[in-house]
Amino acid sequence: MTALTIAGIVLIALLGAPLFVVIGLSALLCFSSADIEPSALFIEFYRVASAPTLTAIPLFTFAGFVLARSKMPERLTRLSRAFLGGVQGGVAWMALGACAFFTAFTGASGVTIIALGGLLYPLLLKENYSKNFSLGLLTSSGSIGILFPPSLPLILYAIVAQVSVDKLFLAGIVPGILMILIVGTYCRIKNPITTQHKIPFSLADAKAAVRESIWEIPLPFLVLFGIYGGWLTLTEAASLTTVYVVVVELLIYRELAFKDLPAIMRDSMVLVGSIVIILGTAMGFTSYLVDEQVPMQILDVIKNYVESPQTFLILLNVFLLLVGCTMDVFSAIIVVVPLIVPLAQNYGINLIHLGIIFLANLEIGYTTPPIGLNLFISSSRFNEPVIELYRAALPFLGLQLIGLLLITYVPGFSLFLVEWMSSSP
């Protein structure tokens, strides 16, 4: 009967049932087999939904959707181009930075490909970058942004792993910059020898671009300085960001109207709702696994084959890369983090450091053939065969893997700012 039940759950998953249905059904069946009241699932659901930091997710998501629907992508492109267009590889650097910045606020690299791809792809081709280079850069660079605050995956990991979101925000900054520098160095090397359209730095153009974006430039500083200056909690920073974005885009730039807000709210809350319902059911299922000591049983098996933390991290990276190219980042955090946290703690791995390793793996998984999600989004956005995207993404995949190894085995990249801020008076 147990085998038939498992087979039935696998079947409905293969038939396309939502993830929360699969997880919730699994949890209820497990509770039933252990003579635990089904209400335990809903108690866990309530506990998750009442977490104070959870409020920040819908607020930041809504703000990101408002920015994506406005002309902020165009202004961000012009601003980046004005300051970076004149340096060697500057246009590619501009595309890399713009995509990472945009993803930090939208929380979804797929949205970045859709929103910025149409602007940046023709510009890269115009600067004589090859088609494969341009496609690979735009497909992979947006995902780097999930390491930068106030990225939604950072907040969600903090909630699931029960670590400080403020510390996690700090921990992602240096690894995110490291990833940008590694990919940016490649961009400099691949800069075309001759370009027909050089963009020398112009103070007038830079001033014009700054004036045009003057209301959006303060956004990241509003979040970071507000939180780390001790003036705002995470939820207050999310609330202030939302109000600020709505006022700027609707009343100052006037690129959106109040009648547009209900549709934006609906679209953003569909994403938030899917995250929350998966989070609630997954945490209920996790409570059953913990009660049954499943993580400890897994740990006992792993200990028979893996002794050192370094070997464990290698296996963890391989596993997370597979997860990253088969699941979206939110589902992966909710489902996998509760299982790996006890294992990592046993090997003495800092949970803040683990979070950055986890997210770095997922960002790479988005562009890992054959089923990385961003490969298919780019294929659709740029009307190119997905096989072409495989070839285009491989060099950037290799570069990001180098960054992943550095992040994994040099914890200082993740923990330097955290320890420095903790030691500051």
Protein backbone atom coordinates (compact mmCIF):
# COMPACT_ATOMS: atom_id res chain seq x y z
CA MET A 1 0.00 0.00 0.00
CA THR A 2 2.87 2.36 0.80
CA ALA A 3 4.47 1.67 -2.55
CA LEU A 4 1.15 2.36 -4.29
CA THR A 5 0.77 5.62 -2.38
CA ILE A 6 4.27 6.79 -3.32
CA ALA A 7 3.65 5.80 -6.93
CA GLY A 8 0.41 7.78 -6.90
CA ILE A 9 2.14 10.90 -5.58
CA VAL A 10 4.88 10.59 -8.21
CA LEU A 11 2.23 10.16 -10.90
CA ILE A 12 0.29 13.29 -10.01
CA ALA A 13 3.59 15.20 -9.87
CA LEU A 14 4.48 14.00 -13.38
CA LEU A 15 0.99 14.94 -14.58
CA GLY A 16 1.71 18.54 -13.58
CA ALA A 17 0.11 18.91 -10.15
CA PRO A 18 1.27 22.07 -8.34
CA LEU A 19 4.22 21.57 -6.03
CA PHE A 20 2.26 22.57 -2.92
CA VAL A 21 -0.31 19.84 -3.70
CA VAL A 22 2.41 17.19 -3.95
CA ILE A 23 4.15 18.35 -0.76
CA GLY A 24 0.93 18.87 1.20
CA LEU A 25 -0.46 15.48 0.21
CA SER A 26 2.82 13.82 1.17
CA ALA A 27 2.75 15.58 4.54
CA LEU A 28 -0.86 14.61 5.29
CA LEU A 29 -0.22 10.97 4.40
CA CYS A 30 2.90 10.90 6.57
CA PHE A 31 1.03 12.48 9.49
CA SER A 32 -1.74 9.93 9.06
CA SER A 33 0.70 7.01 9.07
CA ALA A 34 2.26 8.33 12.28
CA ASP A 35 -1.15 8.89 13.95
CA ILE A 36 -0.59 12.66 14.04
CA GLU A 37 -3.56 14.97 13.62
CA PRO A 38 -3.69 16.61 10.14
CA SER A 39 -4.13 19.94 11.93
CA ALA A 40 -0.38 19.81 12.62
CA LEU A 41 0.19 20.81 9.00
CA PHE A 42 -2.01 23.88 9.34
CA ILE A 43 -0.45 24.83 12.68
CA GLU A 44 2.92 24.85 10.95
CA PHE A 45 1.41 26.81 8.08
CA TYR A 46 0.14 29.45 10.50
CA ARG A 47 3.52 29.64 12.23
CA VAL A 48 5.23 30.36 8.91
CA ALA A 49 2.61 32.87 7.78
CA SER A 50 2.93 34.80 11.06
CA ALA A 51 6.72 35.20 10.77
CA PRO A 52 7.48 38.95 11.05
CA THR A 53 10.00 39.01 8.19
CA LEU A 54 7.56 37.33 5.79
CA THR A 55 5.79 40.65 5.28
CA ALA A 56 8.85 41.97 3.43
CA ILE A 57 8.39 39.46 0.60
CA PRO A 58 5.08 40.79 -0.85
CA LEU A 59 6.23 44.38 -0.38
CA PHE A 60 9.55 43.96 -2.19
CA THR A 61 7.87 41.81 -4.86
CA PHE A 62 5.26 44.47 -5.58
CA ALA A 63 7.93 47.18 -5.73
CA GLY A 64 9.96 45.06 -8.17
CA PHE A 65 6.95 44.50 -10.42
CA VAL A 66 6.19 48.24 -10.47
CA LEU A 67 9.79 48.97 -11.52
CA ALA A 68 9.62 46.28 -14.22
CA ARG A 69 6.43 47.78 -15.69
CA SER A 70 7.84 51.32 -15.73
CA LYS A 71 10.60 52.67 -17.95
CA MET A 72 13.19 52.07 -15.25
CA PRO A 73 14.97 49.40 -17.40
CA GLU A 74 15.58 51.99 -20.13
CA ARG A 75 16.87 54.56 -17.65
CA LEU A 76 19.10 51.98 -15.98
CA THR A 77 20.55 51.03 -19.37
CA ARG A 78 21.28 54.66 -20.28
CA LEU A 79 22.83 55.34 -16.88
CA SER A 80 25.11 52.30 -17.07
CA ARG A 81 26.08 53.08 -20.66
CA ALA A 82 26.94 56.70 -19.84
CA PHE A 83 29.48 55.67 -17.19
CA LEU A 84 30.80 52.38 -18.61
CA GLY A 85 30.38 52.67 -22.35
CA GLY A 86 33.75 54.32 -22.93
CA VAL A 87 35.95 51.73 -21.19
CA GLN A 88 37.26 48.55 -22.79
CA GLY A 89 34.43 46.04 -22.69
CA GLY A 90 32.28 48.79 -21.20
CA VAL A 91 29.08 47.93 -23.04
CA ALA A 92 29.29 44.33 -21.84
CA TRP A 93 30.11 45.54 -18.31
CA MET A 94 27.09 47.83 -18.55
CA ALA A 95 24.82 44.94 -19.54
CA LEU A 96 26.22 42.77 -16.74
CA GLY A 97 25.75 45.42 -14.05
CA ALA A 98 22.30 46.50 -15.25
CA CYS A 99 21.01 42.91 -15.26
CA ALA A 100 22.41 42.14 -11.80
CA PHE A 101 20.99 45.36 -10.32
CA PHE A 102 17.57 44.80 -11.86
CA THR A 103 17.34 41.20 -10.60
CA ALA A 104 18.23 42.31 -7.07
CA PHE A 105 14.94 44.21 -6.96
CA THR A 106 12.69 41.94 -9.03
CA GLY A 107 14.05 38.71 -7.48
CA ALA A 108 13.64 36.85 -10.77
CA SER A 109 16.34 36.64 -13.44
CA GLY A 110 13.76 35.50 -15.99
CA VAL A 111 11.99 38.85 -15.64
CA THR A 112 15.34 40.57 -16.20
CA ILE A 113 15.91 38.69 -19.47
CA ILE A 114 12.47 39.70 -20.68
CA ALA A 115 12.64 43.32 -19.49
CA LEU A 116 16.24 44.18 -20.45
CA GLY A 117 16.96 41.68 -23.23
CA GLY A 118 15.22 43.69 -25.92
CA LEU A 119 17.26 46.78 -24.98
CA LEU A 120 20.67 45.23 -24.45
CA TYR A 121 20.86 42.51 -27.11
CA PRO A 122 20.73 44.90 -30.13
CA LEU A 123 23.18 47.22 -28.37
CA LEU A 124 25.73 44.42 -27.84
CA LEU A 125 25.42 43.32 -31.47
CA LYS A 126 25.83 46.93 -32.60
CA GLU A 127 29.10 47.06 -30.67
CA ASN A 128 30.35 44.04 -32.68
CA TYR A 129 30.04 41.50 -29.89
CA SER A 130 29.28 38.08 -31.32
CA LYS A 131 25.77 36.70 -31.18
CA ASN A 132 26.81 33.79 -28.95
CA PHE A 133 28.64 36.08 -26.52
CA SER A 134 25.67 38.45 -26.30
CA LEU A 135 23.17 35.65 -25.77
CA GLY A 136 25.34 33.98 -23.13
CA LEU A 137 25.94 37.23 -21.25
CA LEU A 138 22.27 38.19 -21.09
CA THR A 139 21.17 34.66 -20.20
CA SER A 140 23.58 34.30 -17.28
CA SER A 141 24.21 37.77 -15.86
CA GLY A 142 20.76 38.44 -14.43
CA SER A 143 20.93 35.50 -12.05
CA ILE A 144 23.96 37.03 -10.30
CA GLY A 145 21.61 39.64 -8.88
CA ILE A 146 19.98 37.18 -6.46
CA LEU A 147 23.08 37.50 -4.25
CA PHE A 148 22.50 41.24 -3.75
CA PRO A 149 20.02 42.74 -1.27
CA PRO A 150 17.06 43.06 -1.19
CA SER A 151 16.79 39.90 -3.31
CA LEU A 152 13.73 37.80 -2.44
CA PRO A 153 15.69 34.50 -2.41
CA LEU A 154 17.95 35.95 0.31
CA ILE A 155 14.93 36.82 2.45
CA LEU A 156 13.30 33.44 1.85
CA TYR A 157 16.46 31.51 2.74
CA ALA A 158 16.76 33.52 5.97
CA ILE A 159 13.19 32.61 6.92
CA VAL A 160 13.54 28.90 6.13
CA ALA A 161 17.01 28.48 7.68
CA GLN A 162 16.10 30.76 10.62
CA VAL A 163 19.13 33.01 10.26
CA SER A 164 19.45 36.80 10.39
CA VAL A 165 18.32 38.33 7.11
CA ASP A 166 20.41 41.44 7.89
CA LYS A 167 23.57 39.31 8.08
CA LEU A 168 22.60 37.43 4.92
CA PHE A 169 22.15 40.72 3.05
CA LEU A 170 25.71 41.67 4.03
CA ALA A 171 27.07 38.23 3.20
CA GLY A 172 25.87 38.34 -0.40
CA ILE A 173 27.53 41.62 -1.37
CA VAL A 174 31.18 40.51 -1.72
CA PRO A 175 30.38 37.16 -3.46
CA GLY A 176 28.05 39.02 -5.83
CA ILE A 177 30.78 41.54 -6.67
CA LEU A 178 33.25 38.65 -7.10
CA MET A 179 30.95 36.99 -9.65
CA ILE A 180 30.59 40.28 -11.53
CA LEU A 181 34.37 40.81 -11.59
CA ILE A 182 35.03 37.29 -12.90
CA VAL A 183 32.47 37.57 -15.69
CA GLY A 184 33.44 41.20 -16.30
CA THR A 185 37.09 40.25 -16.82
CA TYR A 186 35.97 37.83 -19.51
CA CYS A 187 33.89 40.63 -21.04
CA ARG A 188 36.99 42.83 -21.18
CA ILE A 189 39.00 40.05 -22.86
CA LYS A 190 36.23 39.40 -25.40
CA ASN A 191 35.87 43.08 -26.25
CA PRO A 192 35.90 43.39 -30.08
CA ILE A 193 39.25 44.58 -31.45
CA THR A 194 37.51 47.12 -33.61
CA THR A 195 34.18 48.73 -32.95
CA GLN A 196 32.23 50.93 -35.29
CA HIS A 197 30.38 52.73 -32.52
CA LYS A 198 32.71 53.74 -29.70
CA ILE A 199 31.07 55.49 -26.78
CA PRO A 200 33.61 57.89 -25.24
CA PHE A 201 32.77 59.18 -21.80
CA SER A 202 30.81 62.39 -21.96
CA LEU A 203 30.25 64.45 -18.83
CA ALA A 204 27.14 65.97 -20.36
CA ASP A 205 25.66 62.55 -21.15
CA ALA A 206 26.55 61.29 -17.67
CA LYS A 207 24.86 64.29 -16.03
CA ALA A 208 21.79 63.82 -18.22
CA ALA A 209 21.59 60.11 -17.35
CA VAL A 210 21.94 60.88 -13.63
CA ARG A 211 19.26 63.56 -13.80
CA GLU A 212 16.97 61.14 -15.60
CA SER A 213 17.45 58.43 -12.96
CA ILE A 214 17.86 60.72 -9.97
CA TRP A 215 14.80 59.33 -8.20
CA GLU A 216 15.76 55.66 -8.66
CA ILE A 217 19.48 55.85 -7.84
CA PRO A 218 18.83 56.16 -4.05
CA LEU A 219 16.83 52.90 -3.91
CA PRO A 220 19.59 50.44 -2.91
CA PHE A 221 21.05 52.96 -0.46
CA LEU A 222 17.60 53.48 1.04
CA VAL A 223 17.43 49.78 1.88
CA LEU A 224 21.04 49.18 2.95
CA PHE A 225 21.69 52.35 4.95
CA GLY A 226 18.23 52.21 6.49
CA ILE A 227 18.74 48.67 7.80
CA TYR A 228 22.41 48.82 8.77
CA GLY A 229 22.18 52.35 10.07
CA GLY A 230 19.71 51.03 12.63
CA TRP A 231 16.90 53.28 11.42
CA LEU A 232 14.71 50.64 9.76
CA THR A 233 13.78 47.02 10.27
CA LEU A 234 13.56 44.80 7.19
CA THR A 235 9.76 45.14 7.05
CA GLU A 236 9.96 48.91 7.48
CA ALA A 237 12.56 49.11 4.71
CA ALA A 238 10.28 47.05 2.44
CA SER A 239 7.31 49.29 3.24
CA LEU A 240 9.30 52.46 2.61
CA THR A 241 10.66 51.03 -0.67
CA THR A 242 7.15 50.21 -1.87
CA VAL A 243 5.75 53.65 -1.06
CA TYR A 244 8.81 55.33 -2.58
CA VAL A 245 8.58 53.32 -5.82
CA VAL A 246 4.85 53.95 -6.22
CA VAL A 247 5.22 57.70 -5.62
CA VAL A 248 8.18 57.99 -8.02
CA GLU A 249 6.74 55.93 -10.88
CA LEU A 250 3.14 57.18 -10.63
CA LEU A 251 3.44 60.78 -9.46
CA ILE A 252 6.90 61.93 -10.55
CA TYR A 253 7.71 60.02 -13.75
CA ARG A 254 4.00 59.38 -14.45
CA GLU A 255 4.78 56.28 -16.49
CA LEU A 256 2.10 54.30 -14.73
CA ALA A 257 -1.42 55.23 -13.68
CA PHE A 258 -3.35 54.26 -10.58
CA LYS A 259 -5.58 52.11 -12.77
CA ASP A 260 -2.50 49.98 -13.57
CA LEU A 261 -1.90 49.09 -9.91
CA PRO A 262 -4.60 46.40 -9.50
CA ALA A 263 -3.16 44.35 -12.38
CA ILE A 264 0.40 44.75 -11.02
CA MET A 265 -0.80 43.77 -7.54
CA ARG A 266 -2.55 40.71 -8.93
CA ASP A 267 0.49 39.54 -10.90
CA SER A 268 2.93 40.12 -8.04
CA MET A 269 0.70 38.48 -5.44
CA VAL A 270 0.27 35.39 -7.60
CA LEU A 271 4.03 34.90 -7.23
CA VAL A 272 3.93 35.67 -3.51
CA GLY A 273 0.95 33.38 -2.96
CA SER A 274 2.71 30.49 -4.66
CA ILE A 275 5.78 31.04 -2.46
CA VAL A 276 3.80 31.22 0.78
CA ILE A 277 1.61 28.18 0.14
CA ILE A 278 4.62 26.06 -0.86
CA LEU A 279 6.52 27.38 2.17
CA GLY A 280 3.69 26.47 4.55
CA THR A 281 3.18 22.93 3.25
CA ALA A 282 6.93 22.31 3.00
CA MET A 283 7.57 23.42 6.58
CA GLY A 284 4.76 21.16 7.76
CA PHE A 285 6.34 18.25 5.92
CA THR A 286 9.74 19.23 7.32
CA SER A 287 8.40 19.09 10.88
CA TYR A 288 7.38 15.47 10.24
CA LEU A 289 10.82 14.65 8.84
CA VAL A 290 12.50 16.20 11.87
CA ASP A 291 10.22 14.31 14.28
CA GLU A 292 11.11 11.08 12.48
CA GLN A 293 14.81 12.08 12.58
CA VAL A 294 15.14 11.69 8.81
CA PRO A 295 17.94 14.30 8.52
CA MET A 296 19.88 12.47 11.22
CA GLN A 297 19.43 9.17 9.39
CA ILE A 298 20.70 10.78 6.19
CA LEU A 299 23.63 12.19 8.15
CA ASP A 300 24.49 8.75 9.53
CA VAL A 301 24.61 7.37 5.98
CA ILE A 302 26.73 10.28 4.70
CA LYS A 303 29.18 9.94 7.61
CA ASN A 304 30.02 6.44 6.43
CA TYR A 305 31.38 7.85 3.16
CA VAL A 306 32.22 11.50 3.84
CA GLU A 307 34.53 12.56 6.64
CA SER A 308 35.79 16.06 5.80
CA PRO A 309 33.73 19.24 5.36
CA GLN A 310 35.58 19.89 2.08
CA THR A 311 34.33 16.62 0.57
CA PHE A 312 30.84 17.33 1.86
CA LEU A 313 30.88 20.75 0.16
CA ILE A 314 31.91 19.19 -3.17
CA LEU A 315 29.01 16.75 -3.01
CA LEU A 316 26.68 19.54 -1.87
CA ASN A 317 27.63 21.71 -4.84
CA VAL A 318 26.99 18.88 -7.31
CA PHE A 319 23.63 18.17 -5.69
CA LEU A 320 22.59 21.84 -5.62
CA LEU A 321 23.56 22.37 -9.27
CA LEU A 322 21.20 19.52 -10.17
CA VAL A 323 18.50 21.07 -8.00
CA GLY A 324 19.10 24.51 -9.52
CA CYS A 325 18.53 23.35 -13.08
CA THR A 326 15.40 21.33 -12.25
CA MET A 327 13.54 23.59 -9.77
CA ASP A 328 12.86 27.29 -9.52
CA VAL A 329 14.85 29.09 -6.83
CA PHE A 330 11.92 29.61 -4.46
CA SER A 331 10.79 25.98 -4.50
CA ALA A 332 14.38 24.79 -4.11
CA ILE A 333 14.94 26.95 -1.02
CA ILE A 334 11.71 25.83 0.61
CA VAL A 335 12.12 22.11 -0.11
CA VAL A 336 15.87 21.53 0.16
CA VAL A 337 17.16 23.96 2.81
CA PRO A 338 15.47 22.25 5.80
CA LEU A 339 17.16 18.98 4.82
CA ILE A 340 20.69 20.28 4.29
CA VAL A 341 20.87 22.68 7.26
CA PRO A 342 21.34 19.91 9.88
CA LEU A 343 23.91 18.20 7.67
CA ALA A 344 25.89 21.43 7.20
CA GLN A 345 25.78 22.21 10.91
CA ASN A 346 27.22 18.79 11.69
CA TYR A 347 30.19 19.54 9.46
CA GLY A 348 30.69 22.92 11.12
CA ILE A 349 29.59 25.02 8.13
CA ASN A 350 28.30 28.49 9.00
CA LEU A 351 24.63 28.80 7.97
CA ILE A 352 25.19 32.31 6.55
CA HIS A 353 28.02 30.94 4.40
CA LEU A 354 25.81 27.97 3.48
CA GLY A 355 23.11 30.37 2.28
CA ILE A 356 25.47 32.10 -0.14
CA ILE A 357 26.75 28.73 -1.41
CA PHE A 358 23.15 27.60 -1.85
CA LEU A 359 22.06 30.69 -3.81
CA ALA A 360 25.24 30.76 -5.91
CA ASN A 361 24.52 27.18 -6.96
CA LEU A 362 20.92 27.99 -7.84
CA GLU A 363 21.91 31.01 -9.93
CA ILE A 364 24.32 28.79 -11.91
CA GLY A 365 21.68 26.07 -12.19
CA TYR A 366 19.43 28.54 -14.03
CA THR A 367 21.84 28.43 -16.98
CA THR A 368 22.97 24.81 -16.73
CA PRO A 369 22.08 22.63 -19.75
CA PRO A 370 19.95 20.81 -20.58
CA ILE A 371 17.00 22.16 -18.58
CA GLY A 372 18.15 25.37 -16.89
CA LEU A 373 15.12 27.67 -16.81
CA ASN A 374 16.86 30.79 -18.15
CA LEU A 375 17.99 28.91 -21.25
CA PHE A 376 14.38 28.41 -22.30
CA ILE A 377 13.35 31.94 -21.35
CA SER A 378 16.18 33.32 -23.50
CA SER A 379 15.31 30.95 -26.32
CA SER A 380 11.80 32.36 -26.34
CA ARG A 381 12.84 36.00 -25.82
CA PHE A 382 15.50 36.08 -28.55
CA ASN A 383 13.87 33.57 -30.95
CA GLU A 384 16.90 31.31 -30.95
CA PRO A 385 17.00 27.48 -30.74
CA VAL A 386 17.67 26.30 -27.21
CA ILE A 387 20.68 24.31 -28.51
CA GLU A 388 22.20 27.65 -29.55
CA LEU A 389 21.68 28.91 -26.00
CA TYR A 390 23.50 25.86 -24.63
CA ARG A 391 26.62 26.79 -26.61
CA ALA A 392 26.31 30.47 -25.74
CA ALA A 393 25.96 29.87 -22.00
CA LEU A 394 28.81 27.37 -21.54
CA PRO A 395 31.70 29.90 -21.19
CA PHE A 396 29.74 31.91 -18.63
CA LEU A 397 28.76 28.72 -16.84
CA GLY A 398 32.46 27.85 -16.51
CA LEU A 399 33.29 31.32 -15.17
CA GLN A 400 30.54 31.17 -12.59
CA LEU A 401 31.71 27.72 -11.49
CA ILE A 402 35.13 29.26 -10.77
CA GLY A 403 33.39 31.89 -8.66
CA LEU A 404 31.37 29.18 -6.92
CA LEU A 405 34.52 27.31 -5.93
CA LEU A 406 36.04 30.49 -4.49
CA ILE A 407 32.85 31.29 -2.57
CA THR A 408 32.62 27.71 -1.28
CA TYR A 409 36.19 27.25 -0.07
CA VAL A 410 36.99 30.81 1.01
CA PRO A 411 34.31 31.57 3.61
CA GLY A 412 35.81 35.02 4.09
CA PHE A 413 34.13 36.23 0.91
CA SER A 414 30.74 35.60 2.52
CA LEU A 415 31.58 36.37 6.14
CA PHE A 416 34.00 39.30 5.91
CA LEU A 417 31.38 42.07 6.01
CA VAL A 418 29.26 40.19 8.54
CA GLU A 419 32.18 39.82 10.97
CA TRP A 420 33.39 43.36 10.33
CA MET A 421 29.95 44.85 11.06
CA SER A 422 29.54 42.62 14.13
CA SER A 423 32.87 43.81 15.54
CA SER A 424 32.17 47.47 14.86
CA PRO A 425 31.15 49.47 17.97
